[in-house]
Amino acid sequence: MRLEKKATLISSTTATLLISIKLFIGIVSGSVAVLASAIDSVLDLAVSIFNYFAVHNSEKAPDEPTYIELDYINGDIVALNGDKLSPAEVLTALNKIGGDNA
């Protein structure tokens, strides 16, 4: 497991622990400030979970670069890797290449 992935798991675990403690103390003491801090910790947990999946998905990207060649006429893309395409087809093909490398 990569170091970045471990860091996101640790931050998620820490945020979960903080949420539990802050909610308990906030409810027992009736402190709105502690409850607000617990809500902030929920947001931290959401960001940590998002980061985990971002790191996880980045591991799926190919290890070698993808090279493309664009042909232009009057500033408009008319071909991608030697294939003549309409602007919509070029955009679709580039989106697919980007998705494969995300």
C-alpha atoms as a PDB file:
ATOM      1  CA  MET A   1       0.000   0.000   0.000  1.00  0.00           C
ATOM      2  CA  ARG A   2       1.366   3.407  -0.985  1.00  0.00           C
ATOM      3  CA  LEU A   3       2.247   5.953   1.660  1.00  0.00           C
ATOM      4  CA  GLU A   4      -0.423   8.362   0.361  1.00  0.00           C
ATOM      5  CA  LYS A   5      -3.098   5.700   0.756  1.00  0.00           C
ATOM      6  CA  LYS A   6      -1.977   4.919   4.309  1.00  0.00           C
ATOM      7  CA  ALA A   7      -2.092   8.628   5.147  1.00  0.00           C
ATOM      8  CA  THR A   8      -5.692   8.916   3.944  1.00  0.00           C
ATOM      9  CA  LEU A   9      -6.699   5.860   5.986  1.00  0.00           C
ATOM     10  CA  ILE A  10      -5.036   7.285   9.101  1.00  0.00           C
ATOM     11  CA  SER A  11      -6.692  10.682   8.611  1.00  0.00           C
ATOM     12  CA  SER A  12     -10.093   9.014   8.098  1.00  0.00           C
ATOM     13  CA  THR A  13      -9.665   6.951  11.259  1.00  0.00           C
ATOM     14  CA  THR A  14      -8.559  10.015  13.222  1.00  0.00           C
ATOM     15  CA  ALA A  15     -11.493  12.075  11.959  1.00  0.00           C
ATOM     16  CA  THR A  16     -13.922   9.301  12.898  1.00  0.00           C
ATOM     17  CA  LEU A  17     -12.456   9.101  16.401  1.00  0.00           C
ATOM     18  CA  LEU A  18     -12.625  12.889  16.794  1.00  0.00           C
ATOM     19  CA  ILE A  19     -16.236  12.962  15.615  1.00  0.00           C
ATOM     20  CA  SER A  20     -17.213  10.360  18.211  1.00  0.00           C
ATOM     21  CA  ILE A  21     -15.424  12.109  21.061  1.00  0.00           C
ATOM     22  CA  LYS A  22     -16.662  15.583  20.148  1.00  0.00           C
ATOM     23  CA  LEU A  23     -20.259  14.434  19.691  1.00  0.00           C
ATOM     24  CA  PHE A  24     -20.233  12.665  23.052  1.00  0.00           C
ATOM     25  CA  ILE A  25     -18.690  15.628  24.886  1.00  0.00           C
ATOM     26  CA  GLY A  26     -20.875  18.139  23.040  1.00  0.00           C
ATOM     27  CA  ILE A  27     -24.084  16.289  23.880  1.00  0.00           C
ATOM     28  CA  VAL A  28     -23.125  15.622  27.506  1.00  0.00           C
ATOM     29  CA  SER A  29     -21.949  19.187  28.142  1.00  0.00           C
ATOM     30  CA  GLY A  30     -24.522  20.879  25.912  1.00  0.00           C
ATOM     31  CA  SER A  31     -21.761  22.924  24.272  1.00  0.00           C
ATOM     32  CA  VAL A  32     -22.732  24.228  20.848  1.00  0.00           C
ATOM     33  CA  ALA A  33     -19.086  25.067  20.099  1.00  0.00           C
ATOM     34  CA  VAL A  34     -18.000  21.455  20.606  1.00  0.00           C
ATOM     35  CA  LEU A  35     -20.898  20.235  18.447  1.00  0.00           C
ATOM     36  CA  ALA A  36     -19.858  22.706  15.726  1.00  0.00           C
ATOM     37  CA  SER A  37     -16.343  21.332  15.953  1.00  0.00           C
ATOM     38  CA  ALA A  38     -17.781  17.824  15.506  1.00  0.00           C
ATOM     39  CA  ILE A  39     -19.510  18.974  12.327  1.00  0.00           C
ATOM     40  CA  ASP A  40     -16.180  20.369  11.111  1.00  0.00           C
ATOM     41  CA  SER A  41     -14.638  16.959  11.775  1.00  0.00           C
ATOM     42  CA  VAL A  42     -17.381  15.363   9.636  1.00  0.00           C
ATOM     43  CA  LEU A  43     -16.246  17.589   6.767  1.00  0.00           C
ATOM     44  CA  ASP A  44     -12.645  16.512   7.414  1.00  0.00           C
ATOM     45  CA  LEU A  45     -13.766  12.888   7.201  1.00  0.00           C
ATOM     46  CA  ALA A  46     -15.538  13.540   3.888  1.00  0.00           C
ATOM     47  CA  VAL A  47     -12.383  15.110   2.434  1.00  0.00           C
ATOM     48  CA  SER A  48     -10.268  12.201   3.690  1.00  0.00           C
ATOM     49  CA  ILE A  49     -12.606   9.684   2.052  1.00  0.00           C
ATOM     50  CA  PHE A  50     -12.543  11.668  -1.198  1.00  0.00           C
ATOM     51  CA  ASN A  51      -8.732  11.731  -1.081  1.00  0.00           C
ATOM     52  CA  TYR A  52      -8.605   7.974  -0.509  1.00  0.00           C
ATOM     53  CA  PHE A  53     -10.587   7.307  -3.669  1.00  0.00           C
ATOM     54  CA  ALA A  54      -8.562   9.877  -5.613  1.00  0.00           C
ATOM     55  CA  VAL A  55      -5.323   8.109  -4.629  1.00  0.00           C
ATOM     56  CA  HIS A  56      -6.893   4.723  -5.309  1.00  0.00           C
ATOM     57  CA  ASN A  57      -8.002   5.747  -8.802  1.00  0.00           C
ATOM     58  CA  SER A  58      -4.633   7.325  -9.591  1.00  0.00           C
ATOM     59  CA  GLU A  59      -3.029   3.918  -9.102  1.00  0.00           C
ATOM     60  CA  LYS A  60      -5.066   2.611 -12.054  1.00  0.00           C
ATOM     61  CA  ALA A  61      -3.580   5.080 -14.550  1.00  0.00           C
ATOM     62  CA  PRO A  62      -1.101   3.644 -17.054  1.00  0.00           C
ATOM     63  CA  ASP A  63       2.576   3.964 -16.190  1.00  0.00           C
ATOM     64  CA  GLU A  64       3.598   5.066 -19.664  1.00  0.00           C
ATOM     65  CA  PRO A  65       2.559   8.328 -21.323  1.00  0.00           C
ATOM     66  CA  THR A  66       0.051   8.465 -24.160  1.00  0.00           C
ATOM     67  CA  TYR A  67       1.244  10.526 -27.104  1.00  0.00           C
ATOM     68  CA  ILE A  68      -1.166  12.152 -29.516  1.00  0.00           C
ATOM     69  CA  GLU A  69      -0.699  14.092 -32.736  1.00  0.00           C
ATOM     70  CA  LEU A  70      -3.114  16.830 -33.715  1.00  0.00           C
ATOM     71  CA  ASP A  71      -3.362  18.291 -37.224  1.00  0.00           C
ATOM     72  CA  TYR A  72      -4.605  21.860 -37.581  1.00  0.00           C
ATOM     73  CA  ILE A  73      -6.007  23.844 -40.473  1.00  0.00           C
ATOM     74  CA  ASN A  74      -6.690  27.549 -39.842  1.00  0.00           C
ATOM     75  CA  GLY A  75      -6.468  26.923 -36.083  1.00  0.00           C
ATOM     76  CA  ASP A  76      -9.041  24.140 -36.094  1.00  0.00           C
ATOM     77  CA  ILE A  77      -8.188  20.538 -35.205  1.00  0.00           C
ATOM     78  CA  VAL A  78      -8.934  18.395 -38.247  1.00  0.00           C
ATOM     79  CA  ALA A  79      -7.171  15.129 -37.392  1.00  0.00           C
ATOM     80  CA  LEU A  80      -6.128  13.133 -34.353  1.00  0.00           C
ATOM     81  CA  ASN A  81      -3.232  10.693 -34.780  1.00  0.00           C
ATOM     82  CA  GLY A  82      -3.635  10.908 -38.554  1.00  0.00           C
ATOM     83  CA  ASP A  83      -7.381  10.155 -38.535  1.00  0.00           C
ATOM     84  CA  LYS A  84      -9.530  12.925 -40.013  1.00  0.00           C
ATOM     85  CA  LEU A  85     -12.318  13.662 -37.535  1.00  0.00           C
ATOM     86  CA  SER A  86     -15.039  16.220 -36.978  1.00  0.00           C
ATOM     87  CA  PRO A  87     -14.567  18.585 -34.017  1.00  0.00           C
ATOM     88  CA  ALA A  88     -17.107  16.584 -31.993  1.00  0.00           C
ATOM     89  CA  GLU A  89     -15.306  13.315 -32.779  1.00  0.00           C
ATOM     90  CA  VAL A  90     -11.955  14.871 -31.776  1.00  0.00           C
ATOM     91  CA  LEU A  91     -13.450  15.980 -28.461  1.00  0.00           C
ATOM     92  CA  THR A  92     -14.942  12.536 -27.836  1.00  0.00           C
ATOM     93  CA  ALA A  93     -11.642  10.816 -28.660  1.00  0.00           C
ATOM     94  CA  LEU A  94      -9.638  13.189 -26.432  1.00  0.00           C
ATOM     95  CA  ASN A  95     -12.105  12.667 -23.561  1.00  0.00           C
ATOM     96  CA  LYS A  96     -11.658   8.908 -23.895  1.00  0.00           C
ATOM     97  CA  ILE A  97      -7.854   9.257 -23.887  1.00  0.00           C
ATOM     98  CA  GLY A  98      -8.071  11.521 -20.841  1.00  0.00           C
ATOM     99  CA  GLY A  99     -10.363   9.060 -19.053  1.00  0.00           C
ATOM    100  CA  ASP A 100      -7.991   6.195 -19.785  1.00  0.00           C
ATOM    101  CA  ASN A 101      -5.139   8.200 -18.243  1.00  0.00           C
ATOM    102  CA  ALA A 102      -6.974   9.621 -15.226  1.00  0.00           C
END
